[in-house]
Amino acid sequence: PGKTQAQIAQEAGFLTANMVAMLKRGASKLPLDRVPGL
């Protein structure tokens, strides 16, 4: 209701919203250096 997946990806420092989608589907693991941003 307050933010899109693209906004979440941008706030997390990912180049595209696709990375959030990959994390949601389990297609990719979360790099430890990206934990604080996400």
Full PDB file with SEQRES, HELIX, SHEET, SSBOND, CRYST1, ORIGX, SCALE, CONECT and MASTER records, all heavy atoms in Angstrom:
SEQRES   1 A   38  PRO GLY LYS THR GLN ALA GLN ILE ALA GLN GLU ALA GLY          
SEQRES   2 A   38  PHE LEU THR ALA ASN MET VAL ALA MET LEU LYS ARG GLY          
SEQRES   3 A   38  ALA SER LYS LEU PRO LEU ASP ARG VAL PRO GLY LEU              
HELIX    1 AA1 GLN A    5  ALA A   12  1                                   8    
HELIX    2 AA2 ASN A   18  ARG A   25  1                                   8    
HELIX    3 AA3 LEU A   32  ARG A   34  5                                   3    
CRYST1    1.000    1.000    1.000  90.00  90.00  90.00 P 1           1          
ORIGX1      1.000000  0.000000  0.000000        0.00000                         
ORIGX2      0.000000  1.000000  0.000000        0.00000                         
ORIGX3      0.000000  0.000000  1.000000        0.00000                         
SCALE1      1.000000  0.000000  0.000000        0.00000                         
SCALE2      0.000000  1.000000  0.000000        0.00000                         
SCALE3      0.000000  0.000000  1.000000        0.00000                         
ATOM      1  N   PRO A   1       0.813  -1.234   0.000  1.00  0.00           N  
ATOM      2  CA  PRO A   1       0.000   0.000   0.000  1.00  0.00           C  
ATOM      3  C   PRO A   1       0.844   1.281   0.000  1.00  0.00           C  
ATOM      4  O   PRO A   1       0.395   2.318  -0.474  1.00  0.00           O  
ATOM      5  CB  PRO A   1      -0.812  -0.096   1.294  1.00  0.00           C  
ATOM      6  CG  PRO A   1      -0.835  -1.545   1.630  1.00  0.00           C  
ATOM      7  CD  PRO A   1       0.473  -2.097   1.135  1.00  0.00           C  
ATOM      8  N   GLY A   2       2.076   1.191   0.513  1.00  0.00           N  
ATOM      9  CA  GLY A   2       2.893   2.391   0.625  1.00  0.00           C  
ATOM     10  C   GLY A   2       4.064   2.490  -0.326  1.00  0.00           C  
ATOM     11  O   GLY A   2       4.579   3.580  -0.574  1.00  0.00           O  
ATOM     12  N   LYS A   3       4.515   1.354  -0.868  1.00  0.00           N  
ATOM     13  CA  LYS A   3       5.636   1.403  -1.798  1.00  0.00           C  
ATOM     14  C   LYS A   3       5.621   0.203  -2.730  1.00  0.00           C  
ATOM     15  O   LYS A   3       5.176  -0.873  -2.360  1.00  0.00           O  
ATOM     16  CB  LYS A   3       6.983   1.529  -1.082  1.00  0.00           C  
ATOM     17  CG  LYS A   3       7.359   0.426  -0.130  1.00  0.00           C  
ATOM     18  CD  LYS A   3       8.798   0.559   0.375  1.00  0.00           C  
ATOM     19  CE  LYS A   3       8.910   1.314   1.658  1.00  0.00           C  
ATOM     20  NZ  LYS A   3      10.235   1.213   2.274  1.00  0.00           N  
ATOM     21  N   THR A   4       6.136   0.438  -3.914  1.00  0.00           N  
ATOM     22  CA  THR A   4       6.164  -0.614  -4.925  1.00  0.00           C  
ATOM     23  C   THR A   4       7.419  -1.472  -4.769  1.00  0.00           C  
ATOM     24  O   THR A   4       8.369  -1.087  -4.076  1.00  0.00           O  
ATOM     25  CB  THR A   4       6.178  -0.015  -6.346  1.00  0.00           C  
ATOM     26  OG1 THR A   4       7.416   0.691  -6.521  1.00  0.00           O  
ATOM     27  CG2 THR A   4       4.998   0.918  -6.572  1.00  0.00           C  
ATOM     28  N   GLN A   5       7.410  -2.588  -5.453  1.00  0.00           N  
ATOM     29  CA  GLN A   5       8.587  -3.460  -5.448  1.00  0.00           C  
ATOM     30  C   GLN A   5       9.780  -2.727  -6.048  1.00  0.00           C  
ATOM     31  O   GLN A   5      10.904  -2.869  -5.580  1.00  0.00           O  
ATOM     32  CB  GLN A   5       8.269  -4.733  -6.239  1.00  0.00           C  
ATOM     33  CG  GLN A   5       9.348  -5.781  -6.159  1.00  0.00           C  
ATOM     34  CD  GLN A   5       8.866  -7.123  -6.674  1.00  0.00           C  
ATOM     35  OE1 GLN A   5       7.964  -7.711  -6.116  1.00  0.00           O  
ATOM     36  NE2 GLN A   5       9.482  -7.597  -7.733  1.00  0.00           N  
ATOM     37  N   ALA A   6       9.532  -1.906  -7.060  1.00  0.00           N  
ATOM     38  CA  ALA A   6      10.606  -1.119  -7.672  1.00  0.00           C  
ATOM     39  C   ALA A   6      11.196  -0.124  -6.670  1.00  0.00           C  
ATOM     40  O   ALA A   6      12.413   0.069  -6.620  1.00  0.00           O  
ATOM     41  CB  ALA A   6      10.093  -0.396  -8.912  1.00  0.00           C  
ATOM     42  N   GLN A   7      10.336   0.479  -5.859  1.00  0.00           N  
ATOM     43  CA  GLN A   7      10.824   1.416  -4.832  1.00  0.00           C  
ATOM     44  C   GLN A   7      11.642   0.677  -3.780  1.00  0.00           C  
ATOM     45  O   GLN A   7      12.668   1.184  -3.320  1.00  0.00           O  
ATOM     46  CB  GLN A   7       9.648   2.144  -4.173  1.00  0.00           C  
ATOM     47  CG  GLN A   7       8.976   3.157  -5.068  1.00  0.00           C  
ATOM     48  CD  GLN A   7       7.686   3.682  -4.474  1.00  0.00           C  
ATOM     49  OE1 GLN A   7       6.869   2.925  -3.950  1.00  0.00           O  
ATOM     50  NE2 GLN A   7       7.497   4.998  -4.556  1.00  0.00           N  
ATOM     51  N   ILE A   8      11.192  -0.508  -3.392  1.00  0.00           N  
ATOM     52  CA  ILE A   8      11.935  -1.312  -2.429  1.00  0.00           C  
ATOM     53  C   ILE A   8      13.318  -1.638  -2.985  1.00  0.00           C  
ATOM     54  O   ILE A   8      14.330  -1.491  -2.301  1.00  0.00           O  
ATOM     55  CB  ILE A   8      11.161  -2.603  -2.072  1.00  0.00           C  
ATOM     56  CG1 ILE A   8       9.902  -2.248  -1.271  1.00  0.00           C  
ATOM     57  CG2 ILE A   8      12.046  -3.586  -1.294  1.00  0.00           C  
ATOM     58  CD1 ILE A   8       8.928  -3.395  -1.090  1.00  0.00           C  
ATOM     59  N   ALA A   9      13.362  -2.061  -4.237  1.00  0.00           N  
ATOM     60  CA  ALA A   9      14.637  -2.394  -4.880  1.00  0.00           C  
ATOM     61  C   ALA A   9      15.559  -1.182  -4.913  1.00  0.00           C  
ATOM     62  O   ALA A   9      16.757  -1.292  -4.617  1.00  0.00           O  
ATOM     63  CB  ALA A   9      14.395  -2.930  -6.284  1.00  0.00           C  
ATOM     64  N   GLN A  10      15.008  -0.038  -5.266  1.00  0.00           N  
ATOM     65  CA  GLN A  10      15.811   1.184  -5.331  1.00  0.00           C  
ATOM     66  C   GLN A  10      16.344   1.558  -3.952  1.00  0.00           C  
ATOM     67  O   GLN A  10      17.521   1.870  -3.797  1.00  0.00           O  
ATOM     68  CB  GLN A  10      14.983   2.329  -5.909  1.00  0.00           C  
ATOM     69  CG  GLN A  10      15.772   3.610  -6.073  1.00  0.00           C  
ATOM     70  CD  GLN A  10      14.923   4.732  -6.648  1.00  0.00           C  
ATOM     71  OE1 GLN A  10      13.688   4.693  -6.591  1.00  0.00           O  
ATOM     72  NE2 GLN A  10      15.573   5.733  -7.189  1.00  0.00           N  
ATOM     73  N   GLU A  11      15.481   1.514  -2.933  1.00  0.00           N  
ATOM     74  CA  GLU A  11      15.903   1.830  -1.561  1.00  0.00           C  
ATOM     75  C   GLU A  11      16.974   0.858  -1.080  1.00  0.00           C  
ATOM     76  O   GLU A  11      17.847   1.232  -0.303  1.00  0.00           O  
ATOM     77  CB  GLU A  11      14.707   1.782  -0.616  1.00  0.00           C  
ATOM     78  CG  GLU A  11      13.750   2.934  -0.755  1.00  0.00           C  
ATOM     79  CD  GLU A  11      12.569   2.801   0.196  1.00  0.00           C  
ATOM     80  OE1 GLU A  11      12.724   2.210   1.287  1.00  0.00           O  
ATOM     81  OE2 GLU A  11      11.478   3.291  -0.154  1.00  0.00           O  
ATOM     82  N   ALA A  12      16.887  -0.386  -1.529  1.00  0.00           N  
ATOM     83  CA  ALA A  12      17.847  -1.403  -1.112  1.00  0.00           C  
ATOM     84  C   ALA A  12      19.177  -1.271  -1.843  1.00  0.00           C  
ATOM     85  O   ALA A  12      20.163  -1.893  -1.453  1.00  0.00           O  
ATOM     86  CB  ALA A  12      17.263  -2.799  -1.350  1.00  0.00           C  
ATOM     87  N   GLY A  13      19.200  -0.476  -2.912  1.00  0.00           N  
ATOM     88  CA  GLY A  13      20.431  -0.287  -3.669  1.00  0.00           C  
ATOM     89  C   GLY A  13      20.597  -1.252  -4.832  1.00  0.00           C  
ATOM     90  O   GLY A  13      21.680  -1.351  -5.414  1.00  0.00           O  
ATOM     91  N   PHE A  14      19.531  -1.947  -5.200  1.00  0.00           N  
ATOM     92  CA  PHE A  14      19.586  -2.839  -6.354  1.00  0.00           C  
ATOM     93  C   PHE A  14      19.361  -2.020  -7.617  1.00  0.00           C  
ATOM     94  O   PHE A  14      18.621  -1.038  -7.608  1.00  0.00           O  
ATOM     95  CB  PHE A  14      18.524  -3.939  -6.256  1.00  0.00           C  
ATOM     96  CG  PHE A  14      18.712  -4.869  -5.091  1.00  0.00           C  
ATOM     97  CD1 PHE A  14      17.684  -5.091  -4.191  1.00  0.00           C  
ATOM     98  CD2 PHE A  14      19.918  -5.530  -4.882  1.00  0.00           C  
ATOM     99  CE1 PHE A  14      17.841  -5.951  -3.115  1.00  0.00           C  
ATOM    100  CE2 PHE A  14      20.088  -6.392  -3.804  1.00  0.00           C  
ATOM    101  CZ  PHE A  14      19.051  -6.600  -2.920  1.00  0.00           C  
ATOM    102  N   LEU A  15      19.973  -2.442  -8.706  1.00  0.00           N  
ATOM    103  CA  LEU A  15      19.841  -1.711  -9.960  1.00  0.00           C  
ATOM    104  C   LEU A  15      18.461  -1.870 -10.591  1.00  0.00           C  
ATOM    105  O   LEU A  15      17.981  -0.963 -11.262  1.00  0.00           O  
ATOM    106  CB  LEU A  15      20.927  -2.159 -10.950  1.00  0.00           C  
ATOM    107  CG  LEU A  15      22.363  -1.882 -10.508  1.00  0.00           C  
ATOM    108  CD1 LEU A  15      23.359  -2.447 -11.516  1.00  0.00           C  
ATOM    109  CD2 LEU A  15      22.590  -0.394 -10.302  1.00  0.00           C  
ATOM    110  N   THR A  16      17.849  -3.028 -10.379  1.00  0.00           N  
ATOM    111  CA  THR A  16      16.519  -3.264 -10.945  1.00  0.00           C  
ATOM    112  C   THR A  16      15.611  -3.921  -9.914  1.00  0.00           C  
ATOM    113  O   THR A  16      16.085  -4.554  -8.968  1.00  0.00           O  
ATOM    114  CB  THR A  16      16.578  -4.201 -12.172  1.00  0.00           C  
ATOM    115  OG1 THR A  16      16.980  -5.499 -11.742  1.00  0.00           O  
ATOM    116  CG2 THR A  16      17.536  -3.690 -13.233  1.00  0.00           C  
ATOM    117  N   ALA A  17      14.310  -3.793 -10.123  1.00  0.00           N  
ATOM    118  CA  ALA A  17      13.330  -4.449  -9.250  1.00  0.00           C  
ATOM    119  C   ALA A  17      13.400  -5.955  -9.411  1.00  0.00           C  
ATOM    120  O   ALA A  17      12.909  -6.693  -8.551  1.00  0.00           O  
ATOM    121  CB  ALA A  17      11.924  -3.946  -9.562  1.00  0.00           C  
ATOM    122  N   ASN A  18      14.004  -6.412 -10.490  1.00  0.00           N  
ATOM    123  CA  ASN A  18      14.102  -7.840 -10.757  1.00  0.00           C  
ATOM    124  C   ASN A  18      14.816  -8.577  -9.622  1.00  0.00           C  
ATOM    125  O   ASN A  18      14.491  -9.723  -9.329  1.00  0.00           O  
ATOM    126  CB  ASN A  18      14.825  -8.070 -12.092  1.00  0.00           C  
ATOM    127  CG  ASN A  18      14.767  -9.510 -12.525  1.00  0.00           C  
ATOM    128  OD1 ASN A  18      13.727 -10.140 -12.452  1.00  0.00           O  
ATOM    129  ND2 ASN A  18      15.894 -10.024 -12.955  1.00  0.00           N  
ATOM    130  N   MET A  19      15.759  -7.930  -8.964  1.00  0.00           N  
ATOM    131  CA  MET A  19      16.480  -8.602  -7.875  1.00  0.00           C  
ATOM    132  C   MET A  19      15.544  -8.921  -6.726  1.00  0.00           C  
ATOM    133  O   MET A  19      15.618  -9.998  -6.129  1.00  0.00           O  
ATOM    134  CB  MET A  19      17.654  -7.744  -7.394  1.00  0.00           C  
ATOM    135  CG  MET A  19      18.517  -8.439  -6.374  1.00  0.00           C  
ATOM    136  SD  MET A  19      19.242  -9.961  -7.037  1.00  0.00           S  
ATOM    137  CE  MET A  19      20.005 -10.612  -5.591  1.00  0.00           C  
ATOM    138  N   VAL A  20      14.637  -8.030  -6.398  1.00  0.00           N  
ATOM    139  CA  VAL A  20      13.663  -8.293  -5.339  1.00  0.00           C  
ATOM    140  C   VAL A  20      12.763  -9.452  -5.760  1.00  0.00           C  
ATOM    141  O   VAL A  20      12.464 -10.341  -4.964  1.00  0.00           O  
ATOM    142  CB  VAL A  20      12.839  -7.033  -4.990  1.00  0.00           C  
ATOM    143  CG1 VAL A  20      11.737  -7.358  -3.990  1.00  0.00           C  
ATOM    144  CG2 VAL A  20      13.750  -5.945  -4.428  1.00  0.00           C  
ATOM    145  N   ALA A  21      12.361  -9.462  -7.022  1.00  0.00           N  
ATOM    146  CA  ALA A  21      11.535 -10.557  -7.538  1.00  0.00           C  
ATOM    147  C   ALA A  21      12.282 -11.885  -7.438  1.00  0.00           C  
ATOM    148  O   ALA A  21      11.707 -12.914  -7.063  1.00  0.00           O  
ATOM    149  CB  ALA A  21      11.121 -10.287  -8.980  1.00  0.00           C  
ATOM    150  N   MET A  22      13.570 -11.879  -7.750  1.00  0.00           N  
ATOM    151  CA  MET A  22      14.381 -13.104  -7.669  1.00  0.00           C  
ATOM    152  C   MET A  22      14.510 -13.583  -6.225  1.00  0.00           C  
ATOM    153  O   MET A  22      14.479 -14.788  -5.961  1.00  0.00           O  
ATOM    154  CB  MET A  22      15.753 -12.867  -8.302  1.00  0.00           C  
ATOM    155  CG  MET A  22      15.687 -12.706  -9.810  1.00  0.00           C  
ATOM    156  SD  MET A  22      17.261 -12.199 -10.545  1.00  0.00           S  
ATOM    157  CE  MET A  22      18.308 -13.573 -10.128  1.00  0.00           C  
ATOM    158  N   LEU A  23      14.643 -12.650  -5.287  1.00  0.00           N  
ATOM    159  CA  LEU A  23      14.713 -13.022  -3.873  1.00  0.00           C  
ATOM    160  C   LEU A  23      13.389 -13.607  -3.413  1.00  0.00           C  
ATOM    161  O   LEU A  23      13.354 -14.601  -2.688  1.00  0.00           O  
ATOM    162  CB  LEU A  23      15.077 -11.804  -3.012  1.00  0.00           C  
ATOM    163  CG  LEU A  23      16.499 -11.271  -3.174  1.00  0.00           C  
ATOM    164  CD1 LEU A  23      16.648  -9.931  -2.469  1.00  0.00           C  
ATOM    165  CD2 LEU A  23      17.519 -12.270  -2.663  1.00  0.00           C  
ATOM    166  N   LYS A  24      12.280 -13.001  -3.838  1.00  0.00           N  
ATOM    167  CA  LYS A  24      10.952 -13.496  -3.471  1.00  0.00           C  
ATOM    168  C   LYS A  24      10.709 -14.911  -3.991  1.00  0.00           C  
ATOM    169  O   LYS A  24      10.125 -15.732  -3.298  1.00  0.00           O  
ATOM    170  CB  LYS A  24       9.861 -12.578  -4.049  1.00  0.00           C  
ATOM    171  CG  LYS A  24       9.661 -11.301  -3.313  1.00  0.00           C  
ATOM    172  CD  LYS A  24       8.664 -10.355  -3.946  1.00  0.00           C  
ATOM    173  CE  LYS A  24       7.600 -10.970  -4.794  1.00  0.00           C  
ATOM    174  NZ  LYS A  24       6.691  -9.985  -5.401  1.00  0.00           N  
ATOM    175  N   ARG A  25      11.134 -15.173  -5.209  1.00  0.00           N  
ATOM    176  CA  ARG A  25      10.932 -16.496  -5.817  1.00  0.00           C  
ATOM    177  C   ARG A  25      11.940 -17.523  -5.318  1.00  0.00           C  
ATOM    178  O   ARG A  25      11.761 -18.712  -5.531  1.00  0.00           O  
ATOM    179  CB  ARG A  25      11.039 -16.406  -7.336  1.00  0.00           C  
ATOM    180  CG  ARG A  25       9.890 -15.740  -8.017  1.00  0.00           C  
ATOM    181  CD  ARG A  25       9.925 -15.936  -9.532  1.00  0.00           C  
ATOM    182  NE  ARG A  25      11.242 -15.856 -10.128  1.00  0.00           N  
ATOM    183  CZ  ARG A  25      11.805 -14.743 -10.612  1.00  0.00           C  
ATOM    184  NH1 ARG A  25      11.151 -13.615 -10.565  1.00  0.00           N  
ATOM    185  NH2 ARG A  25      13.010 -14.775 -11.131  1.00  0.00           N  
ATOM    186  N   GLY A  26      13.017 -17.057  -4.701  1.00  0.00           N  
ATOM    187  CA  GLY A  26      14.061 -17.980  -4.264  1.00  0.00           C  
ATOM    188  C   GLY A  26      15.022 -18.341  -5.370  1.00  0.00           C  
ATOM    189  O   GLY A  26      15.744 -19.334  -5.290  1.00  0.00           O  
ATOM    190  N   ALA A  27      15.061 -17.529  -6.420  1.00  0.00           N  
ATOM    191  CA  ALA A  27      15.965 -17.783  -7.533  1.00  0.00           C  
ATOM    192  C   ALA A  27      17.376 -17.275  -7.230  1.00  0.00           C  
ATOM    193  O   ALA A  27      18.331 -17.652  -7.899  1.00  0.00           O  
ATOM    194  CB  ALA A  27      15.437 -17.124  -8.807  1.00  0.00           C  
ATOM    195  N   SER A  28      17.491 -16.415  -6.225  1.00  0.00           N  
ATOM    196  CA  SER A  28      18.783 -15.846  -5.870  1.00  0.00           C  
ATOM    197  C   SER A  28      18.892 -15.737  -4.357  1.00  0.00           C  
ATOM    198  O   SER A  28      17.889 -15.542  -3.664  1.00  0.00           O  
ATOM    199  CB  SER A  28      18.939 -14.461  -6.496  1.00  0.00           C  
ATOM    200  OG  SER A  28      20.201 -13.906  -6.193  1.00  0.00           O  
ATOM    201  N   LYS A  29      20.117 -15.852  -3.876  1.00  0.00           N  
ATOM    202  CA  LYS A  29      20.326 -15.628  -2.442  1.00  0.00           C  
ATOM    203  C   LYS A  29      20.683 -14.163  -2.239  1.00  0.00           C  
ATOM    204  O   LYS A  29      21.112 -13.474  -3.161  1.00  0.00           O  
ATOM    205  CB  LYS A  29      21.404 -16.547  -1.886  1.00  0.00           C  
ATOM    206  CG  LYS A  29      22.800 -16.300  -2.402  1.00  0.00           C  
ATOM    207  CD  LYS A  29      23.770 -17.300  -1.814  1.00  0.00           C  
ATOM    208  CE  LYS A  29      25.133 -17.140  -2.457  1.00  0.00           C  
ATOM    209  NZ  LYS A  29      26.066 -18.137  -1.975  1.00  0.00           N  
ATOM    210  N   LEU A  30      20.490 -13.702  -1.030  1.00  0.00           N  
ATOM    211  CA  LEU A  30      20.785 -12.315  -0.697  1.00  0.00           C  
ATOM    212  C   LEU A  30      22.254 -12.195  -0.300  1.00  0.00           C  
ATOM    213  O   LEU A  30      22.682 -12.802   0.685  1.00  0.00           O  
ATOM    214  CB  LEU A  30      19.895 -11.849   0.464  1.00  0.00           C  
ATOM    215  CG  LEU A  30      20.138 -10.439   0.988  1.00  0.00           C  
ATOM    216  CD1 LEU A  30      19.878  -9.393  -0.103  1.00  0.00           C  
ATOM    217  CD2 LEU A  30      19.266 -10.168   2.204  1.00  0.00           C  
ATOM    218  N   PRO A  31      23.043 -11.402  -1.054  1.00  0.00           N  
ATOM    219  CA  PRO A  31      24.434 -11.188  -0.652  1.00  0.00           C  
ATOM    220  C   PRO A  31      24.477 -10.495   0.711  1.00  0.00           C  
ATOM    221  O   PRO A  31      23.675  -9.594   0.980  1.00  0.00           O  
ATOM    222  CB  PRO A  31      24.998 -10.272  -1.746  1.00  0.00           C  
ATOM    223  CG  PRO A  31      24.064 -10.444  -2.911  1.00  0.00           C  
ATOM    224  CD  PRO A  31      22.711 -10.726  -2.301  1.00  0.00           C  
ATOM    225  N   LEU A  32      25.374 -10.925   1.574  1.00  0.00           N  
ATOM    226  CA  LEU A  32      25.438 -10.377   2.929  1.00  0.00           C  
ATOM    227  C   LEU A  32      25.666  -8.872   2.953  1.00  0.00           C  
ATOM    228  O   LEU A  32      25.159  -8.185   3.839  1.00  0.00           O  
ATOM    229  CB  LEU A  32      26.516 -11.097   3.744  1.00  0.00           C  
ATOM    230  CG  LEU A  32      26.287 -12.588   3.988  1.00  0.00           C  
ATOM    231  CD1 LEU A  32      27.440 -13.175   4.787  1.00  0.00           C  
ATOM    232  CD2 LEU A  32      24.961 -12.841   4.678  1.00  0.00           C  
ATOM    233  N   ASP A  33      26.399  -8.346   1.960  1.00  0.00           N  
ATOM    234  CA  ASP A  33      26.649  -6.908   1.945  1.00  0.00           C  
ATOM    235  C   ASP A  33      25.398  -6.103   1.578  1.00  0.00           C  
ATOM    236  O   ASP A  33      25.361  -4.890   1.757  1.00  0.00           O  
ATOM    237  CB  ASP A  33      27.802  -6.561   1.007  1.00  0.00           C  
ATOM    238  CG  ASP A  33      27.526  -6.871  -0.452  1.00  0.00           C  
ATOM    239  OD1 ASP A  33      26.740  -7.804  -0.744  1.00  0.00           O  
ATOM    240  OD2 ASP A  33      28.104  -6.182  -1.316  1.00  0.00           O  
ATOM    241  N   ARG A  34      24.350  -6.768   1.113  1.00  0.00           N  
ATOM    242  CA  ARG A  34      23.102  -6.091   0.758  1.00  0.00           C  
ATOM    243  C   ARG A  34      22.057  -6.149   1.875  1.00  0.00           C  
ATOM    244  O   ARG A  34      20.980  -5.569   1.757  1.00  0.00           O  
ATOM    245  CB  ARG A  34      22.500  -6.718  -0.507  1.00  0.00           C  
ATOM    246  CG  ARG A  34      23.348  -6.542  -1.743  1.00  0.00           C  
ATOM    247  CD  ARG A  34      23.530  -5.071  -2.021  1.00  0.00           C  
ATOM    248  NE  ARG A  34      24.211  -4.883  -3.279  1.00  0.00           N  
ATOM    249  CZ  ARG A  34      24.023  -3.872  -4.068  1.00  0.00           C  
ATOM    250  NH1 ARG A  34      23.161  -2.928  -3.720  1.00  0.00           N  
ATOM    251  NH2 ARG A  34      24.672  -3.764  -5.186  1.00  0.00           N  
ATOM    252  N   VAL A  35      22.373  -6.834   2.954  1.00  0.00           N  
ATOM    253  CA  VAL A  35      21.421  -6.982   4.056  1.00  0.00           C  
ATOM    254  C   VAL A  35      20.998  -5.631   4.639  1.00  0.00           C  
ATOM    255  O   VAL A  35      19.794  -5.379   4.786  1.00  0.00           O  
ATOM    256  CB  VAL A  35      21.971  -7.930   5.152  1.00  0.00           C  
ATOM    257  CG1 VAL A  35      21.120  -7.857   6.412  1.00  0.00           C  
ATOM    258  CG2 VAL A  35      22.042  -9.356   4.630  1.00  0.00           C  
ATOM    259  N   PRO A  36      21.930  -4.732   4.986  1.00  0.00           N  
ATOM    260  CA  PRO A  36      21.487  -3.472   5.601  1.00  0.00           C  
ATOM    261  C   PRO A  36      20.538  -2.664   4.708  1.00  0.00           C  
ATOM    262  O   PRO A  36      19.518  -2.153   5.182  1.00  0.00           O  
ATOM    263  CB  PRO A  36      22.788  -2.704   5.854  1.00  0.00           C  
ATOM    264  CG  PRO A  36      23.835  -3.768   5.946  1.00  0.00           C  
ATOM    265  CD  PRO A  36      23.398  -4.833   4.967  1.00  0.00           C  
ATOM    266  N   GLY A  37      20.853  -2.565   3.432  1.00  0.00           N  
ATOM    267  CA  GLY A  37      20.007  -1.805   2.516  1.00  0.00           C  
ATOM    268  C   GLY A  37      18.626  -2.417   2.353  1.00  0.00           C  
ATOM    269  O   GLY A  37      17.616  -1.705   2.369  1.00  0.00           O  
ATOM    270  N   LEU A  38      18.578  -3.741   2.194  1.00  0.00           N  
ATOM    271  CA  LEU A  38      17.284  -4.394   2.026  1.00  0.00           C  
ATOM    272  C   LEU A  38      16.476  -4.323   3.319  1.00  0.00           C  
ATOM    273  O   LEU A  38      15.263  -4.117   3.281  1.00  0.00           O  
ATOM    274  CB  LEU A  38      17.451  -5.843   1.561  1.00  0.00           C  
ATOM    275  CG  LEU A  38      16.137  -6.572   1.254  1.00  0.00           C  
ATOM    276  CD1 LEU A  38      15.335  -5.848   0.167  1.00  0.00           C  
ATOM    277  CD2 LEU A  38      16.409  -8.011   0.861  1.00  0.00           C  
TER     278      LEU A  38                                                      
MASTER        0    0    0    3    0    0    0    6  277    1    0    3          
END                                                                             
